[in-house]
Amino acid sequence: MPLLDLRQYIEALRNLGEVQDVAAPVSLNLELGAIIRHCAETGSPAPLFRAFSDHPTGFRILGAPAAASAQRSLEMVRAATSLELPPTSSGTDIAEAVAASLDLPAIDPEIVDSAPCFENISTGDDVDLNRLPVPMLHDGDGGRYVNTFGCIVARTPDGAWTNWSIARIMVVDGKRMTGLVSPQQHIGMVAKAWADKDEPMPFALALGVEPSIPFICAMPLPANVDESGRLGALMRRPIRTVRCRTVDLEAPASAEILIEGHLHLGEKAMEGPMGEYPGYIPIGPAEDGPVYHVSAISHRDDAILPVVAAGEPAEENHTVWGTMTSAQILHDLRAAGIAATTAWIPLQSALHWLVVTVPRDWRRRTGIDTAHALCRRIGEVMFSTKAGVIVPKVVVLSDDIDPNDLKELVWAFATRCHPLLGHAIFRHEPEDPLVGYRRTNEKVAASTGKIVYNCLAPDEWGEALPVRASFRHGYPAEIVDRVRRRWSEYGFT
């Protein structure tokens, strides 16, 4: 059944044991953020907060909306459910499904006449962001972040490109916000197109949207590709949108909360720091961010604000952004003629590793002779794309390794990666501005070194691989089946 809004998604998660109702009042000042952080780090159910000790009633907060689960065989259940895939889907299963959808024709969104978010509307002098339950998430954050999992809608001045994206946005006061608007990100490109005309950029911020929307907002699609159409292709149906009240844009009709206004790229306010996806609160002072002027706030009755407390894995940057980046890179590699079995950013790597697996006959499939040449080609393809900007380290392995299995991955890296041979080093590549280990000169240059680790068998082995001394690989199939059948007979549980 399609999940057309956040409330349907919450009920689907509840049926899977993935929601915890929190009736006790909690403080928006750090306590709520700490609860969400602990849920993300332990794989606990998503907390649905109903009361706040320091804010009036009338709103709810869903924490860890797409974080990883501790339930056995259901680590990615929230991501899978969001995309209407089987709940037992692995990360690589999800990435494969998303990558396959990129070859389908786009399905444009459907504009509907009205939406539940217009049950309550404030415009002009009545606008007050302080009415929303915006939390202070980390001890050390520079402010309260209203957007950690919402959809920012922006359109180029000529109307040719409508971009949906996610970027952090912090409340400045009752009528202004600020946030990260990186020039290399698509929202920065659209904002610059408006600034070049000496005009502010109209925007809509849709919070609490249907569960698939944050995934497409996080996907590093090429420039000038509308996310709404690609999401339609992925979900096999048009995404419903509704016209905004004060700006000439259409926003997701499923929104619980809709904020409208204009982004002034040349006007600045102090923004950050903020605990982010590498797992750290950056050293250093706040920086200037452009200012969002708010002209309207609309919301449903008893509206729900989704909140991500970014940081150490595994939270939504890793399960959502990482999954969608994996899918885009997998598609890009295959389009370039590289026989990738899968591509996956392990959750625990905090978006700093990508694992690419290839079949043992990759030489015949690609026409590339050596492992070093294959690794260099993978790097050349990856690092030339928007998706490749994000990941600084790539691990190339035979596809007998399951990159979803961290124990298997660590063992394979340790035992197959020769310290001296075959790695492909790229010394000056564009980087994501939040990479955890950046030095000052790299930050100024907006570039850093990247590497593709060659963990393939030595070229002299050809397609041969040693037999793995493991239960699954080191015994005849009939012995493995017999042991599994008789396991309880042996006295094990």
Protein backbone atom coordinates (compact mmCIF):
# COMPACT_ATOMS: atom_id res chain seq x y z
CA MET A 1 0.00 0.00 0.00
CA PRO A 2 1.39 3.45 -0.87
CA LEU A 3 2.50 5.54 2.11
CA LEU A 4 1.24 8.97 1.11
CA ASP A 5 2.03 10.92 4.26
CA LEU A 6 4.09 10.84 7.43
CA ARG A 7 1.21 9.58 9.56
CA GLN A 8 0.69 6.51 7.40
CA TYR A 9 4.43 5.88 7.62
CA ILE A 10 4.37 6.10 11.42
CA GLU A 11 1.58 3.53 11.57
CA ALA A 12 3.51 1.23 9.23
CA LEU A 13 6.55 1.52 11.49
CA ARG A 14 4.41 0.96 14.57
CA ASN A 15 3.22 -2.35 13.10
CA LEU A 16 6.88 -3.33 12.69
CA GLY A 17 7.81 -2.44 16.28
CA GLU A 18 9.74 0.63 15.13
CA VAL A 19 7.92 3.45 16.99
CA GLN A 20 8.03 4.33 20.68
CA ASP A 21 5.39 6.78 21.92
CA VAL A 22 6.85 9.18 24.49
CA ALA A 23 4.07 10.70 26.60
CA ALA A 24 6.30 12.13 29.33
CA PRO A 25 7.13 15.83 28.75
CA VAL A 26 10.70 16.37 27.55
CA SER A 27 12.74 19.54 27.16
CA LEU A 28 13.56 20.87 23.71
CA ASN A 29 16.83 22.10 25.19
CA LEU A 30 19.20 19.13 24.68
CA GLU A 31 17.06 16.44 26.39
CA LEU A 32 15.10 15.64 23.24
CA GLY A 33 18.28 15.66 21.16
CA ALA A 34 19.98 13.31 23.62
CA ILE A 35 17.06 10.87 23.44
CA ILE A 36 17.14 10.86 19.64
CA ARG A 37 20.93 10.40 19.65
CA HIS A 38 20.67 7.45 22.02
CA CYS A 39 17.95 5.90 19.87
CA ALA A 40 20.10 6.26 16.76
CA GLU A 41 23.19 4.80 18.41
CA THR A 42 21.33 1.83 19.93
CA GLY A 43 18.95 1.12 17.04
CA SER A 44 15.97 1.77 19.33
CA PRO A 45 12.53 2.53 17.85
CA ALA A 46 11.83 6.00 16.52
CA PRO A 47 10.58 8.15 19.43
CA LEU A 48 7.31 10.04 18.87
CA PHE A 49 7.23 12.91 21.35
CA ARG A 50 3.83 14.27 22.33
CA ALA A 51 4.59 16.84 25.05
CA PHE A 52 7.36 19.32 25.79
CA SER A 53 8.20 20.82 29.17
CA ASP A 54 9.28 24.13 27.62
CA HIS A 55 6.88 24.56 24.68
CA PRO A 56 3.09 24.69 24.33
CA THR A 57 1.13 21.69 23.10
CA GLY A 58 -0.16 21.45 19.55
CA PHE A 59 2.85 19.85 17.86
CA ARG A 60 4.63 16.50 17.95
CA ILE A 61 8.18 15.46 17.02
CA LEU A 62 9.27 12.20 15.39
CA GLY A 63 12.91 11.49 16.15
CA ALA A 64 15.21 9.16 14.21
CA PRO A 65 12.62 8.82 11.42
CA ALA A 66 14.81 6.70 9.12
CA ALA A 67 17.67 5.63 11.38
CA ALA A 68 18.96 2.05 11.51
CA SER A 69 17.19 -0.58 13.59
CA ALA A 70 18.65 -3.05 16.08
CA GLN A 71 16.05 -5.67 15.13
CA ARG A 72 17.65 -8.74 13.63
CA SER A 73 17.53 -8.77 9.81
CA LEU A 74 15.77 -5.39 9.89
CA GLU A 75 18.67 -2.94 10.11
CA MET A 76 17.39 -0.92 7.14
CA VAL A 77 13.68 -1.44 7.81
CA ARG A 78 12.84 2.27 8.10
CA ALA A 79 14.59 3.08 4.84
CA ALA A 80 12.99 0.09 3.10
CA THR A 81 9.53 0.98 4.40
CA SER A 82 10.00 4.60 3.32
CA LEU A 83 10.56 3.42 -0.26
CA GLU A 84 7.81 0.77 -0.08
CA LEU A 85 10.28 -2.10 -0.37
CA PRO A 86 10.21 -5.33 1.66
CA PRO A 87 11.13 -4.64 5.30
CA THR A 88 13.97 -7.16 5.23
CA SER A 89 15.70 -5.39 2.33
CA SER A 90 19.41 -4.84 2.90
CA GLY A 91 21.19 -1.61 2.12
CA THR A 92 22.50 -3.03 -1.15
CA ASP A 93 19.00 -4.29 -2.05
CA ILE A 94 17.68 -0.75 -1.65
CA ALA A 95 20.56 0.78 -3.60
CA GLU A 96 19.98 -1.71 -6.43
CA ALA A 97 16.27 -0.85 -6.62
CA VAL A 98 16.99 2.88 -6.68
CA ALA A 99 19.75 2.51 -9.29
CA ALA A 100 17.43 0.50 -11.54
CA SER A 101 14.80 3.25 -11.37
CA LEU A 102 17.22 5.74 -12.93
CA ASP A 103 16.71 4.00 -16.28
CA LEU A 104 12.94 4.54 -16.13
CA PRO A 105 11.24 7.62 -17.60
CA ALA A 106 10.47 10.38 -15.11
CA ILE A 107 6.91 10.72 -13.81
CA ASP A 108 6.11 14.38 -13.22
CA PRO A 109 4.32 15.44 -10.03
CA GLU A 110 0.57 15.95 -9.82
CA ILE A 111 -0.69 19.34 -8.58
CA VAL A 112 -3.66 19.03 -6.21
CA ASP A 113 -6.04 21.81 -5.18
CA SER A 114 -5.38 21.84 -1.44
CA ALA A 115 -3.54 20.01 1.32
CA PRO A 116 -3.93 19.33 5.06
CA CYS A 117 -1.00 21.62 5.89
CA PHE A 118 -3.28 24.60 5.17
CA GLU A 119 -5.47 23.82 8.20
CA ASN A 120 -3.53 26.59 9.97
CA ILE A 121 -1.95 29.50 8.05
CA SER A 122 0.11 32.46 9.27
CA THR A 123 1.35 35.17 6.91
CA GLY A 124 2.96 38.59 7.16
CA ASP A 125 3.18 39.99 10.69
CA ASP A 126 1.57 36.84 12.11
CA VAL A 127 4.55 34.69 11.08
CA ASP A 128 6.47 33.42 14.10
CA LEU A 129 8.94 30.55 13.83
CA ASN A 130 9.08 30.41 17.63
CA ARG A 131 5.65 28.79 17.64
CA LEU A 132 7.28 25.66 16.20
CA PRO A 133 8.94 23.18 18.61
CA VAL A 134 12.47 23.62 17.31
CA PRO A 135 15.03 21.79 19.49
CA MET A 136 18.61 22.48 20.53
CA LEU A 137 20.03 19.14 19.46
CA HIS A 138 23.68 19.05 20.59
CA ASP A 139 25.57 20.75 23.40
CA GLY A 140 27.72 22.99 21.23
CA ASP A 141 25.31 23.68 18.37
CA GLY A 142 25.13 27.32 17.39
CA GLY A 143 21.34 27.41 17.42
CA ARG A 144 18.08 25.54 17.02
CA TYR A 145 17.71 23.68 13.71
CA VAL A 146 14.22 23.56 12.23
CA ASN A 147 15.30 21.60 9.16
CA THR A 148 17.16 18.37 9.58
CA PHE A 149 14.95 16.13 7.40
CA GLY A 150 12.74 18.41 5.32
CA CYS A 151 12.43 19.17 1.62
CA ILE A 152 13.66 22.54 0.35
CA VAL A 153 11.94 23.47 -2.91
CA ALA A 154 13.61 25.98 -5.24
CA ARG A 155 13.28 26.79 -8.94
CA THR A 156 15.59 28.55 -11.38
CA PRO A 157 14.43 31.98 -12.60
CA ASP A 158 13.67 30.60 -16.07
CA GLY A 159 11.52 27.82 -14.58
CA ALA A 160 13.55 25.09 -16.28
CA TRP A 161 14.71 23.30 -13.12
CA THR A 162 12.86 22.66 -9.88
CA ASN A 163 15.23 21.37 -7.23
CA TRP A 164 14.28 19.44 -4.09
CA SER A 165 17.07 19.17 -1.54
CA ILE A 166 17.95 18.73 2.13
CA ALA A 167 20.26 21.14 3.92
CA ARG A 168 20.39 22.17 7.54
CA ILE A 169 18.45 25.34 8.43
CA MET A 170 18.69 27.17 11.76
CA VAL A 171 16.19 29.59 13.29
CA VAL A 172 17.56 33.14 13.69
CA ASP A 173 14.41 34.76 15.07
CA GLY A 174 10.66 34.65 14.55
CA LYS A 175 10.84 35.58 10.89
CA ARG A 176 14.34 34.61 9.72
CA MET A 177 16.39 31.45 9.25
CA THR A 178 19.89 30.70 8.04
CA GLY A 179 21.70 27.59 6.90
CA LEU A 180 24.32 25.87 4.79
CA VAL A 181 24.01 26.88 1.14
CA SER A 182 27.17 25.54 -0.46
CA PRO A 183 27.91 26.91 -3.95
CA GLN A 184 28.68 23.41 -5.28
CA GLN A 185 25.32 22.08 -4.06
CA HIS A 186 22.26 22.45 -6.24
CA ILE A 187 20.46 24.82 -3.89
CA GLY A 188 23.53 27.07 -4.07
CA MET A 189 23.44 26.97 -7.88
CA VAL A 190 19.77 27.93 -7.96
CA ALA A 191 20.28 30.68 -5.38
CA LYS A 192 23.16 32.11 -7.41
CA ALA A 193 20.99 32.21 -10.53
CA TRP A 194 18.57 34.43 -8.63
CA ALA A 195 21.36 36.52 -7.09
CA ASP A 196 22.75 37.16 -10.58
CA LYS A 197 19.42 38.85 -11.31
CA ASP A 198 19.68 40.84 -8.04
CA GLU A 199 16.64 39.00 -6.70
CA PRO A 200 16.13 36.75 -3.67
CA MET A 201 15.31 33.09 -4.32
CA PRO A 202 11.74 31.98 -3.58
CA PHE A 203 11.76 28.84 -1.44
CA ALA A 204 9.40 26.44 0.28
CA LEU A 205 10.47 24.22 3.16
CA ALA A 206 8.19 21.19 3.50
CA LEU A 207 8.59 19.42 6.84
CA GLY A 208 7.04 16.06 7.68
CA VAL A 209 6.53 14.91 4.10
CA GLU A 210 5.69 11.44 2.81
CA PRO A 211 8.58 9.14 3.71
CA SER A 212 10.13 8.69 0.27
CA ILE A 213 10.67 12.42 -0.33
CA PRO A 214 13.70 12.95 1.97
CA PHE A 215 15.44 10.12 0.11
CA ILE A 216 15.20 11.79 -3.28
CA CYS A 217 16.11 15.15 -1.72
CA ALA A 218 19.32 13.53 -0.47
CA MET A 219 20.19 11.85 -3.78
CA PRO A 220 23.13 13.43 -5.66
CA LEU A 221 21.41 13.56 -9.03
CA PRO A 222 23.04 15.53 -11.86
CA ALA A 223 22.26 19.23 -12.14
CA ASN A 224 19.08 20.23 -13.99
CA VAL A 225 17.30 16.98 -13.12
CA ASP A 226 14.02 17.43 -11.22
CA GLU A 227 13.98 15.23 -8.12
CA SER A 228 10.18 15.04 -8.16
CA GLY A 229 10.15 13.27 -11.53
CA ARG A 230 12.84 10.82 -10.51
CA LEU A 231 10.94 10.02 -7.32
CA GLY A 232 7.84 9.43 -9.41
CA ALA A 233 9.79 6.89 -11.45
CA LEU A 234 11.08 5.19 -8.31
CA MET A 235 7.66 4.99 -6.64
CA ARG A 236 5.81 4.25 -9.94
CA ARG A 237 3.34 7.09 -9.29
CA PRO A 238 3.24 10.88 -9.47
CA ILE A 239 4.10 12.71 -6.27
CA ARG A 240 1.34 15.06 -5.15
CA THR A 241 2.23 18.75 -4.85
CA VAL A 242 0.26 21.86 -3.91
CA ARG A 243 0.71 25.53 -4.78
CA CYS A 244 2.24 27.68 -2.07
CA ARG A 245 0.40 30.74 -0.74
CA THR A 246 3.09 33.45 -0.94
CA VAL A 247 5.67 32.20 -3.47
CA ASP A 248 5.33 30.84 -7.01
CA LEU A 249 6.26 27.26 -6.18
CA GLU A 250 4.62 23.89 -5.66
CA ALA A 251 5.56 21.95 -2.53
CA PRO A 252 4.85 18.36 -1.46
CA ALA A 253 1.16 18.18 -0.54
CA SER A 254 1.92 15.68 2.22
CA ALA A 255 3.77 18.24 4.36
CA GLU A 256 2.87 18.49 8.03
CA ILE A 257 4.45 21.97 8.15
CA LEU A 258 5.14 24.31 5.22
CA ILE A 259 7.40 27.36 5.49
CA GLU A 260 7.56 29.81 2.57
CA GLY A 261 9.69 32.81 1.81
CA HIS A 262 12.77 34.13 0.02
CA LEU A 263 16.46 33.32 0.44
CA HIS A 264 18.73 36.38 0.32
CA LEU A 265 22.15 35.06 -0.68
CA GLY A 266 23.91 38.37 0.04
CA GLU A 267 22.40 38.90 3.50
CA LYS A 268 24.22 37.04 6.26
CA ALA A 269 23.60 35.73 9.77
CA MET A 270 25.78 33.61 12.04
CA GLU A 271 25.17 29.91 11.39
CA GLY A 272 26.46 26.85 13.22
CA PRO A 273 28.41 25.02 14.31
CA MET A 274 26.32 21.87 14.40
CA GLY A 275 27.00 18.22 15.16
CA GLU A 276 27.21 16.65 11.72
CA TYR A 277 27.36 13.35 9.86
CA PRO A 278 31.10 12.61 10.37
CA GLY A 279 30.30 12.38 14.08
CA TYR A 280 31.77 15.65 15.35
CA ILE A 281 30.89 19.22 16.24
CA PRO A 282 33.50 21.11 14.21
CA ILE A 283 36.24 23.10 15.91
CA GLY A 284 35.94 26.81 15.28
CA PRO A 285 33.42 29.63 15.42
CA ALA A 286 30.11 30.04 13.67
CA GLU A 287 30.26 31.14 10.04
CA ASP A 288 28.13 33.44 7.93
CA GLY A 289 25.11 31.84 6.28
CA PRO A 290 22.58 33.40 3.90
CA VAL A 291 19.25 34.49 5.35
CA TYR A 292 15.84 32.97 4.64
CA HIS A 293 13.05 35.53 5.15
CA VAL A 294 9.80 33.77 6.00
CA SER A 295 6.52 35.01 4.52
CA ALA A 296 4.19 32.16 5.53
CA ILE A 297 3.98 29.22 7.92
CA SER A 298 1.22 26.64 7.48
CA HIS A 299 0.69 23.43 9.41
CA ARG A 300 -1.70 20.59 10.08
CA ASP A 301 -3.54 20.26 13.35
CA ASP A 302 -1.30 18.40 15.81
CA ALA A 303 1.51 18.61 13.24
CA ILE A 304 4.55 16.34 13.40
CA LEU A 305 8.09 17.67 12.90
CA PRO A 306 10.68 14.99 11.96
CA VAL A 307 14.04 15.57 13.64
CA VAL A 308 17.46 14.04 12.96
CA ALA A 309 20.17 14.40 15.59
CA ALA A 310 23.17 14.07 13.28
CA GLY A 311 26.41 12.54 14.51
CA GLU A 312 28.06 9.17 14.95
CA PRO A 313 26.52 6.32 12.93
CA ALA A 314 23.97 5.29 12.21
CA GLU A 315 21.58 8.16 11.62
CA GLU A 316 19.74 9.45 8.57
CA ASN A 317 22.73 11.00 6.86
CA HIS A 318 24.10 7.46 6.71
CA THR A 319 20.92 5.49 6.03
CA VAL A 320 19.34 7.98 3.61
CA TRP A 321 22.05 10.12 2.02
CA GLY A 322 24.47 7.18 2.04
CA THR A 323 21.98 4.81 0.44
CA MET A 324 20.98 7.22 -2.30
CA THR A 325 24.60 8.15 -3.01
CA SER A 326 25.44 4.45 -3.27
CA ALA A 327 22.64 3.99 -5.80
CA GLN A 328 23.75 6.92 -7.94
CA ILE A 329 27.38 5.77 -7.96
CA LEU A 330 26.34 2.20 -8.81
CA HIS A 331 24.38 3.52 -11.78
CA ASP A 332 27.26 5.79 -12.86
CA LEU A 333 29.81 2.96 -12.71
CA ARG A 334 27.68 0.59 -14.76
CA ALA A 335 26.93 3.32 -17.30
CA ALA A 336 30.70 3.74 -17.71
CA GLY A 337 31.12 0.04 -18.51
CA ILE A 338 32.41 -1.06 -15.10
CA ALA A 339 30.93 -4.41 -14.11
CA ALA A 340 30.04 -3.46 -10.54
CA THR A 341 28.04 -6.06 -8.65
CA THR A 342 27.18 -3.45 -6.07
CA ALA A 343 28.31 -0.19 -4.54
CA TRP A 344 27.60 0.53 -0.89
CA ILE A 345 28.57 3.12 1.70
CA PRO A 346 28.77 1.16 4.98
CA LEU A 347 26.71 2.90 7.65
CA GLN A 348 29.56 2.82 10.15
CA SER A 349 31.90 4.67 7.78
CA ALA A 350 29.90 7.89 8.18
CA LEU A 351 29.97 8.52 4.41
CA HIS A 352 33.78 8.33 4.29
CA TRP A 353 34.04 4.88 2.61
CA LEU A 354 32.43 3.39 -0.45
CA VAL A 355 32.74 -0.34 -1.16
CA VAL A 356 32.58 -1.46 -4.79
CA THR A 357 32.39 -5.19 -5.48
CA VAL A 358 33.08 -6.79 -8.85
CA PRO A 359 32.74 -10.35 -10.23
CA ARG A 360 35.87 -12.45 -10.60
CA ASP A 361 35.61 -12.21 -14.41
CA TRP A 362 35.76 -8.39 -14.34
CA ARG A 363 38.66 -8.38 -16.83
CA ARG A 364 36.56 -10.04 -19.51
CA ARG A 365 33.55 -7.83 -18.77
CA THR A 366 35.40 -4.51 -18.73
CA GLY A 367 38.33 -5.05 -21.10
CA ILE A 368 40.65 -3.74 -18.35
CA ASP A 369 43.74 -5.89 -17.76
CA THR A 370 45.03 -5.05 -14.27
CA ALA A 371 43.52 -4.45 -10.85
CA HIS A 372 45.35 -1.14 -10.55
CA ALA A 373 43.91 0.05 -13.86
CA LEU A 374 40.41 -0.98 -12.76
CA CYS A 375 40.77 0.90 -9.47
CA ARG A 376 41.99 4.00 -11.27
CA ARG A 377 39.11 3.82 -13.72
CA ILE A 378 36.61 3.49 -10.87
CA GLY A 379 38.10 6.60 -9.25
CA GLU A 380 38.05 8.55 -12.52
CA VAL A 381 34.37 7.80 -13.03
CA MET A 382 33.34 8.37 -9.44
CA PHE A 383 35.25 11.52 -8.61
CA SER A 384 34.05 13.28 -11.76
CA THR A 385 30.42 13.17 -10.59
CA LYS A 386 28.39 15.01 -7.96
CA ALA A 387 27.93 11.75 -6.08
CA GLY A 388 31.66 11.13 -6.03
CA VAL A 389 32.36 14.44 -4.30
CA ILE A 390 30.94 13.04 -1.09
CA VAL A 391 33.11 9.94 -0.58
CA PRO A 392 36.90 10.26 -0.14
CA LYS A 393 37.85 6.55 0.17
CA VAL A 394 36.84 3.65 -2.06
CA VAL A 395 37.44 -0.03 -1.32
CA VAL A 396 37.31 -2.41 -4.32
CA LEU A 397 36.67 -6.07 -3.51
CA SER A 398 35.59 -9.29 -5.14
CA ASP A 399 31.85 -9.85 -4.90
CA ASP A 400 32.22 -12.86 -2.63
CA ILE A 401 32.24 -10.20 0.11
CA ASP A 402 28.94 -8.78 1.35
CA PRO A 403 29.51 -5.06 2.05
CA ASN A 404 26.45 -5.03 4.33
CA ASP A 405 28.38 -7.28 6.75
CA LEU A 406 30.85 -5.13 8.65
CA LYS A 407 32.73 -8.13 10.12
CA GLU A 408 33.23 -9.59 6.66
CA LEU A 409 34.27 -6.22 5.29
CA VAL A 410 36.91 -5.58 7.97
CA TRP A 411 38.32 -9.10 7.52
CA ALA A 412 38.50 -8.69 3.75
CA PHE A 413 40.16 -5.27 3.91
CA ALA A 414 42.74 -6.52 6.41
CA THR A 415 43.64 -9.69 4.50
CA ARG A 416 43.31 -8.59 0.85
CA CYS A 417 44.71 -5.07 0.80
CA HIS A 418 48.45 -5.08 0.01
CA PRO A 419 49.99 -2.00 1.65
CA LEU A 420 52.10 -1.10 -1.39
CA LEU A 421 50.47 -2.38 -4.55
CA GLY A 422 47.77 -1.13 -6.85
CA HIS A 423 46.07 1.69 -4.98
CA ALA A 424 44.88 4.62 -7.09
CA ILE A 425 45.62 7.98 -5.49
CA PHE A 426 43.89 11.19 -6.59
CA ARG A 427 45.56 14.24 -5.09
CA HIS A 428 43.29 17.18 -5.87
CA GLU A 429 39.60 16.35 -5.95
CA PRO A 430 36.49 18.31 -4.93
CA GLU A 431 35.31 17.39 -1.46
CA ASP A 432 32.28 17.71 0.75
CA PRO A 433 32.83 20.65 3.13
CA LEU A 434 31.98 18.56 6.20
CA VAL A 435 34.56 15.76 5.76
CA GLY A 436 35.84 14.95 9.23
CA TYR A 437 39.63 15.31 8.86
CA ARG A 438 40.02 18.37 6.62
CA ARG A 439 43.00 20.64 7.18
CA THR A 440 42.69 24.42 6.87
CA ASN A 441 44.39 24.58 3.46
CA GLU A 442 42.03 21.90 2.11
CA LYS A 443 39.04 23.81 3.44
CA VAL A 444 40.21 26.98 1.68
CA ALA A 445 40.92 25.12 -1.57
CA ALA A 446 37.71 23.03 -1.32
CA SER A 447 39.72 20.02 -2.49
CA THR A 448 41.51 17.09 -0.93
CA GLY A 449 43.21 13.82 -1.74
CA LYS A 450 41.17 10.69 -2.38
CA ILE A 451 42.09 7.03 -2.73
CA VAL A 452 40.79 3.82 -4.25
CA TYR A 453 42.07 0.83 -2.28
CA ASN A 454 42.86 -2.22 -4.39
CA CYS A 455 41.64 -5.23 -2.40
CA LEU A 456 41.39 -7.51 -5.43
CA ALA A 457 43.38 -10.69 -5.92
CA PRO A 458 46.90 -10.31 -7.39
CA ASP A 459 46.83 -10.09 -11.18
CA GLU A 460 49.00 -13.21 -11.45
CA TRP A 461 46.12 -15.27 -10.02
CA GLY A 462 43.82 -14.44 -12.93
CA GLU A 463 40.26 -15.33 -11.96
CA ALA A 464 41.30 -17.78 -9.24
CA LEU A 465 40.48 -17.03 -5.61
CA PRO A 466 41.50 -19.07 -2.57
CA VAL A 467 38.73 -21.00 -0.84
CA ARG A 468 37.49 -19.17 2.23
CA ALA A 469 37.94 -21.13 5.45
CA SER A 470 34.44 -20.39 6.72
CA PHE A 471 31.27 -22.31 7.53
CA ARG A 472 29.49 -21.08 4.39
CA HIS A 473 32.39 -21.51 1.99
CA GLY A 474 34.68 -24.21 3.38
CA TYR A 475 32.36 -27.24 3.42
CA PRO A 476 30.19 -29.14 0.91
CA ALA A 477 26.63 -27.80 0.65
CA GLU A 478 25.16 -31.02 2.03
CA ILE A 479 27.29 -30.71 5.18
CA VAL A 480 26.27 -27.09 5.69
CA ASP A 481 22.59 -28.02 5.28
CA ARG A 482 22.93 -30.98 7.65
CA VAL A 483 24.56 -28.89 10.39
CA ARG A 484 21.86 -26.24 10.11
CA ARG A 485 19.07 -28.83 10.29
CA ARG A 486 20.57 -30.59 13.30
CA TRP A 487 21.68 -27.46 15.17
CA SER A 488 19.10 -27.82 17.94
CA GLU A 489 19.75 -31.57 18.09
CA TYR A 490 23.34 -30.77 19.01
CA GLY A 491 22.01 -28.83 21.99
CA PHE A 492 22.42 -25.31 20.58
CA THR A 493 19.65 -22.73 20.61
